[in-house]
Each structure stands twice: as C-alpha cells, then as structure tokens.
C-alpha atoms as a PDB file:
ATOM      1  CA  MET A   1       0.210   0.192  -0.286  1.00  0.00           C
ATOM      2  CA  LEU A   2       3.325   2.424   0.878  1.00  0.00           C
ATOM      3  CA  GLN A   3       4.541   1.160  -2.147  1.00  0.00           C
ATOM      4  CA  PHE A   4       1.555   3.156  -4.427  1.00  0.00           C
ATOM      5  CA  LEU A   5       2.210   6.594  -2.003  1.00  0.00           C
ATOM      6  CA  TRP A   6       6.042   6.727  -2.857  1.00  0.00           C
ATOM      7  CA  ARG A   7       5.270   6.348  -6.278  1.00  0.00           C
ATOM      8  CA  ARG A   8       2.751   9.174  -6.772  1.00  0.00           C
ATOM      9  CA  ARG A   9       2.761  11.954  -8.594  1.00  0.00           C
ATOM     10  CA  ILE A  10       1.415  15.315  -8.905  1.00  0.00           C
ATOM     11  CA  SER A  11      -0.577  15.538 -11.713  1.00  0.00           C
ATOM     12  CA  THR A  12      -2.803  18.908 -10.645  1.00  0.00           C
ATOM     13  CA  LEU A  13      -0.951  22.235  -9.579  1.00  0.00           C
ATOM     14  CA  SER A  14      -3.965  23.076  -7.755  1.00  0.00           C
ATOM     15  CA  SER A  15      -2.691  21.854  -4.408  1.00  0.00           C
ATOM     16  CA  LEU A  16       0.608  24.321  -4.608  1.00  0.00           C
ATOM     17  CA  LEU A  17      -1.671  27.405  -4.281  1.00  0.00           C
ATOM     18  CA  SER A  18      -2.571  28.207  -0.823  1.00  0.00           C
ATOM     19  CA  GLN A  19      -3.927  31.518   0.381  1.00  0.00           C
ATOM     20  CA  GLN A  20      -0.553  33.165   1.324  1.00  0.00           C
ATOM     21  CA  TYR A  21       0.326  32.290  -3.171  1.00  0.00           C
ATOM     22  CA  LEU A  22       2.329  28.888  -2.245  1.00  0.00           C
ATOM     23  CA  ASP A  23       2.521  26.203  -0.107  1.00  0.00           C
ATOM     24  CA  SER A  24       5.773  25.046   0.314  1.00  0.00           C
ATOM     25  CA  ARG A  25       4.980  21.455   1.532  1.00  0.00           C
ATOM     26  CA  ALA A  26       3.049  20.647  -1.677  1.00  0.00           C
ATOM     27  CA  VAL A  27       5.620  22.730  -3.411  1.00  0.00           C
ATOM     28  CA  PHE A  28       8.725  20.760  -2.552  1.00  0.00           C
ATOM     29  CA  MET A  29       7.060  17.523  -3.035  1.00  0.00           C
ATOM     30  CA  TYR A  30       6.447  18.559  -6.791  1.00  0.00           C
ATOM     31  CA  LEU A  31       9.946  19.776  -7.172  1.00  0.00           C
ATOM     32  CA  CYS A  32      12.242  17.413  -4.930  1.00  0.00           C
ATOM     33  CA  ASN A  33       9.500  14.440  -5.913  1.00  0.00           C
ATOM     34  CA  ASP A  34       9.708  13.686  -1.730  1.00  0.00           C
ATOM     35  CA  LEU A  35       8.186  14.192   1.399  1.00  0.00           C
ATOM     36  CA  PRO A  36      10.081  16.638   3.265  1.00  0.00           C
ATOM     37  CA  SER A  37      11.389  17.163   6.663  1.00  0.00           C
ATOM     38  CA  VAL A  38      10.427  19.639   8.669  1.00  0.00           C
ATOM     39  CA  ALA A  39      12.064  22.081  11.125  1.00  0.00           C
ATOM     40  CA  VAL A  40      10.577  25.232  12.211  1.00  0.00           C
ATOM     41  CA  ILE A  41      11.489  27.948  14.485  1.00  0.00           C
ATOM     42  CA  THR A  42       9.324  30.670  15.844  1.00  0.00           C
ATOM     43  CA  GLN A  43       9.830  33.954  17.849  1.00  0.00           C
ATOM     44  CA  LEU A  44      11.886  35.922  15.212  1.00  0.00           C
ATOM     45  CA  ASN A  45      11.649  38.562  12.718  1.00  0.00           C
ATOM     46  CA  GLY A  46      11.656  37.618   9.213  1.00  0.00           C
ATOM     47  CA  SER A  47      13.783  40.404   8.073  1.00  0.00           C
ATOM     48  CA  ASP A  48      15.741  39.857  10.064  1.00  0.00           C
ATOM     49  CA  ALA A  49      15.543  35.811   8.913  1.00  0.00           C
ATOM     50  CA  PHE A  50      15.847  36.322   5.360  1.00  0.00           C
ATOM     51  CA  SER A  51      18.935  38.782   5.465  1.00  0.00           C
ATOM     52  CA  MET A  52      20.980  36.453   7.514  1.00  0.00           C
ATOM     53  CA  LEU A  53      19.624  33.183   5.775  1.00  0.00           C
ATOM     54  CA  LYS A  54      21.083  35.173   2.534  1.00  0.00           C
ATOM     55  CA  GLU A  55      24.563  35.662   3.486  1.00  0.00           C
ATOM     56  CA  VAL A  56      24.449  31.836   4.764  1.00  0.00           C
ATOM     57  CA  GLU A  57      22.817  30.329   1.825  1.00  0.00           C
ATOM     58  CA  ASN A  58      23.795  32.622  -0.905  1.00  0.00           C
ATOM     59  CA  TRP A  59      25.891  30.785  -2.992  1.00  0.00           C
ATOM     60  CA  ASN A  60      23.249  27.502  -2.395  1.00  0.00           C
ATOM     61  CA  ILE A  61      19.895  29.619  -3.413  1.00  0.00           C
ATOM     62  CA  GLN A  62      18.575  27.939  -6.589  1.00  0.00           C
ATOM     63  CA  ARG A  63      15.191  30.349  -7.392  1.00  0.00           C
ATOM     64  CA  ALA A  64      13.233  32.224  -4.356  1.00  0.00           C
ATOM     65  CA  TRP A  65       9.230  33.174  -4.408  1.00  0.00           C
ATOM     66  CA  GLN A  66       7.786  35.746  -2.596  1.00  0.00           C
ATOM     67  CA  HIS A  67       4.805  37.308  -1.803  1.00  0.00           C
ATOM     68  CA  SER A  68       3.946  40.588  -0.445  1.00  0.00           C
ATOM     69  CA  HIS A  69       1.341  43.337   0.392  1.00  0.00           C
ATOM     70  CA  PHE A  70       1.504  46.979   0.216  1.00  0.00           C
ATOM     71  CA  ASP A  71       0.679  48.435   3.594  1.00  0.00           C
ATOM     72  CA  ALA A  72      -0.587  51.883   3.187  1.00  0.00           C
ATOM     73  CA  ASP A  73       0.093  53.164   6.177  1.00  0.00           C
ATOM     74  CA  THR A  74       4.008  52.847   6.305  1.00  0.00           C
ATOM     75  CA  LYS A  75       3.361  52.735   2.519  1.00  0.00           C
ATOM     76  CA  GLU A  76       6.382  50.298   2.015  1.00  0.00           C
ATOM     77  CA  LEU A  77       5.606  47.326   0.257  1.00  0.00           C
ATOM     78  CA  CYS A  78       5.938  44.509   2.982  1.00  0.00           C
ATOM     79  CA  PHE A  79       6.581  40.216   2.931  1.00  0.00           C
ATOM     80  CA  ASN A  80       4.049  37.796   4.169  1.00  0.00           C
ATOM     81  CA  ILE A  81       6.318  34.668   3.310  1.00  0.00           C
ATOM     82  CA  THR A  82       9.345  34.013   1.198  1.00  0.00           C
ATOM     83  CA  LEU A  83      10.158  30.358  -0.226  1.00  0.00           C
ATOM     84  CA  ILE A  84      13.582  30.229  -1.543  1.00  0.00           C
ATOM     85  CA  LYS A  85      14.285  26.572  -3.158  1.00  0.00           C
ATOM     86  CA  LEU A  86      18.197  25.799  -2.531  1.00  0.00           C
ATOM     87  CA  PHE A  87      19.671  23.110  -4.494  1.00  0.00           C
ATOM     88  CA  ASP A  88      20.260  19.077  -2.968  1.00  0.00           C
ATOM     89  CA  ASN A  89      16.287  18.911  -2.337  1.00  0.00           C
ATOM     90  CA  ARG A  90      16.253  21.526   0.397  1.00  0.00           C
ATOM     91  CA  MET A  91      13.905  24.681   0.873  1.00  0.00           C
ATOM     92  CA  ILE A  92      12.998  27.300   3.399  1.00  0.00           C
ATOM     93  CA  GLU A  93      10.442  29.404   3.959  1.00  0.00           C
ATOM     94  CA  ILE A  94      10.237  32.590   5.482  1.00  0.00           C
ATOM     95  CA  GLY A  95       7.151  34.088   7.648  1.00  0.00           C
ATOM     96  CA  PRO A  96       6.828  37.269   9.532  1.00  0.00           C
ATOM     97  CA  ASN A  97       8.226  35.507  12.915  1.00  0.00           C
ATOM     98  CA  TYR A  98       9.090  32.030  12.089  1.00  0.00           C
ATOM     99  CA  VAL A  99      11.365  30.280   9.284  1.00  0.00           C
ATOM    100  CA  GLU A 100      10.937  26.632   8.128  1.00  0.00           C
ATOM    101  CA  LEU A 101      13.112  24.263   6.861  1.00  0.00           C
ATOM    102  CA  LEU A 102      11.856  21.611   4.557  1.00  0.00           C
ATOM    103  CA  TYR A 103      14.820  18.984   3.667  1.00  0.00           C
ATOM    104  CA  SER A 104      15.060  15.677   2.712  1.00  0.00           C
ATOM    105  CA  PRO A 105      16.333  12.824   5.516  1.00  0.00           C
ATOM    106  CA  GLN A 106      20.283  12.974   4.774  1.00  0.00           C
ATOM    107  CA  HIS A 107      20.840  17.092   5.108  1.00  0.00           C
ATOM    108  CA  GLN A 108      19.420  16.512   9.202  1.00  0.00           C
ATOM    109  CA  ALA A 109      22.727  18.047  10.336  1.00  0.00           C
ATOM    110  CA  TRP A 110      22.166  21.022   7.683  1.00  0.00           C
ATOM    111  CA  ALA A 111      18.531  21.950   9.185  1.00  0.00           C
ATOM    112  CA  LYS A 112      19.838  21.595  12.848  1.00  0.00           C
ATOM    113  CA  GLN A 113      23.178  23.933  11.664  1.00  0.00           C
ATOM    114  CA  LEU A 114      20.747  26.298  10.404  1.00  0.00           C
ATOM    115  CA  VAL A 115      18.109  26.312  13.656  1.00  0.00           C
ATOM    116  CA  GLN A 116      20.913  26.901  15.951  1.00  0.00           C
ATOM    117  CA  GLN A 117      22.609  29.765  14.070  1.00  0.00           C
ATOM    118  CA  LEU A 118      18.693  31.206  13.116  1.00  0.00           C
ATOM    119  CA  ALA A 119      18.033  30.426  17.517  1.00  0.00           C
ATOM    120  CA  ALA A 120      20.296  33.771  18.106  1.00  0.00           C
ATOM    121  CA  LEU A 121      17.705  36.058  15.849  1.00  0.00           C
ATOM    122  CA  GLN A 122      15.339  34.282  18.714  1.00  0.00           C
ATOM    123  CA  GLN A 123      13.582  37.581  20.456  1.00  0.00           C
ATOM    124  CA  PRO A 124      11.209  36.778  23.367  1.00  0.00           C
ATOM    125  CA  ALA A 125       6.484  36.681  22.712  1.00  0.00           C
ATOM    126  CA  ALA A 126       7.319  39.825  24.785  1.00  0.00           C
ATOM    127  CA  GLU A 127       9.981  41.895  23.228  1.00  0.00           C
ATOM    128  CA  MET A 128       8.399  41.291  19.583  1.00  0.00           C
ATOM    129  CA  SER A 129       5.672  43.548  18.132  1.00  0.00           C
ATOM    130  CA  ILE A 130       2.149  42.415  18.491  1.00  0.00           C
ATOM    131  CA  ALA A 131       1.707  42.317  14.438  1.00  0.00           C
ATOM    132  CA  LEU A 132       4.775  39.751  14.548  1.00  0.00           C
ATOM    133  CA  ALA A 133       3.894  38.288  18.255  1.00  0.00           C
ATOM    134  CA  GLN A 134       0.566  36.993  16.749  1.00  0.00           C
ATOM    135  CA  PRO A 135       0.435  33.486  14.683  1.00  0.00           C
ATOM    136  CA  VAL A 136       0.113  33.468  11.366  1.00  0.00           C
ATOM    137  CA  THR A 137      -1.531  29.892  10.231  1.00  0.00           C
ATOM    138  CA  VAL A 138      -3.296  27.620  11.779  1.00  0.00           C
ATOM    139  CA  LEU A 139      -3.127  24.274  12.127  1.00  0.00           C
ATOM    140  CA  GLY A 140      -6.194  21.899  11.831  1.00  0.00           C
ATOM    141  CA  PHE A 141      -9.682  23.339  11.765  1.00  0.00           C
ATOM    142  CA  ALA A 142     -11.045  26.249  13.823  1.00  0.00           C
ATOM    143  CA  ARG A 143     -14.523  25.350  15.106  1.00  0.00           C
ATOM    144  CA  ARG A 144     -16.792  28.450  15.703  1.00  0.00           C
ATOM    145  CA  PHE A 145     -19.565  27.142  18.532  1.00  0.00           C
ATOM    146  CA  GLN A 146     -21.980  30.005  18.512  1.00  0.00           C
ATOM    147  CA  GLU A 147     -22.954  29.200  14.511  1.00  0.00           C
ATOM    148  CA  ASN A 148     -24.176  25.403  15.846  1.00  0.00           C
END
C-alpha cells in the first residue's frame, strides 16, 4: 500500500497554491518528488532571518518566490512569505515571525546547524511587536461554536 504513495506523482498544480500564494510543502513535493522533513523555529523577525539566510546560503540559492503586500500606513511593500529553493532537495520558508526548513532526510545535520544559527535571532514574545507575535497560520480546523 505505501509503495503507491511513494510513487505518486502530482498531476495537477492546484495543491501548490494556498491563500498565501504557495504552499511550501506541496512545492517541495512537486520539485523534489519526496515528502519533506520539516524543522520550524519561531519568535524571530522574518526580515532579520531573511538577511541572515541570504548571507549564509547565498551560494546555494537556486530560486526564490515571494508573496508581498502594500502597507498603506507605512507606504512600503512588505512581504508575507518568502520561499527559497536550495540545491540538493532543500527549501526554506520565511514568514513574518518564523522560518521553516524543508529538507530530505540526508540533510538533517544541515537543518540542525541552520536552526542553531537562527536561534541567535530569536526574541522573547514580550519584545516582539504585536503584529509579529500573533500566529500567522492555523493548523487543523477552527470550530465556531456560536454557529451550531
């Protein structure tokens, strides 16, 4: 039964798109043809993490995608999510308050080392701005009891 799961190919691209432009796990499965291992680090500023990752992984970046929005208050173009494809079946998703590493099992040491470097950028929740301290994504289903 599991042998069919591992041989399965994505036939449509609809699973790649999400409300925030691209779903990183679906993109990893599409480009690398494998299920990713995932490491997540939170409570950090996405802009600082992006700058640090550009320095550390600059030679290894294959392609990048970014979902941005225009903030009318500050008159700036701000990013929501940046998705970076690295060589050797590795990807990095950078959000406003988190970094998610997607990688093949043989890159476990790389992920551990990168998470340790990113940990230096972590901020306690009390020091983060209110907009960054709020969670960006919801896993699972939210149920509204008032509608029942």
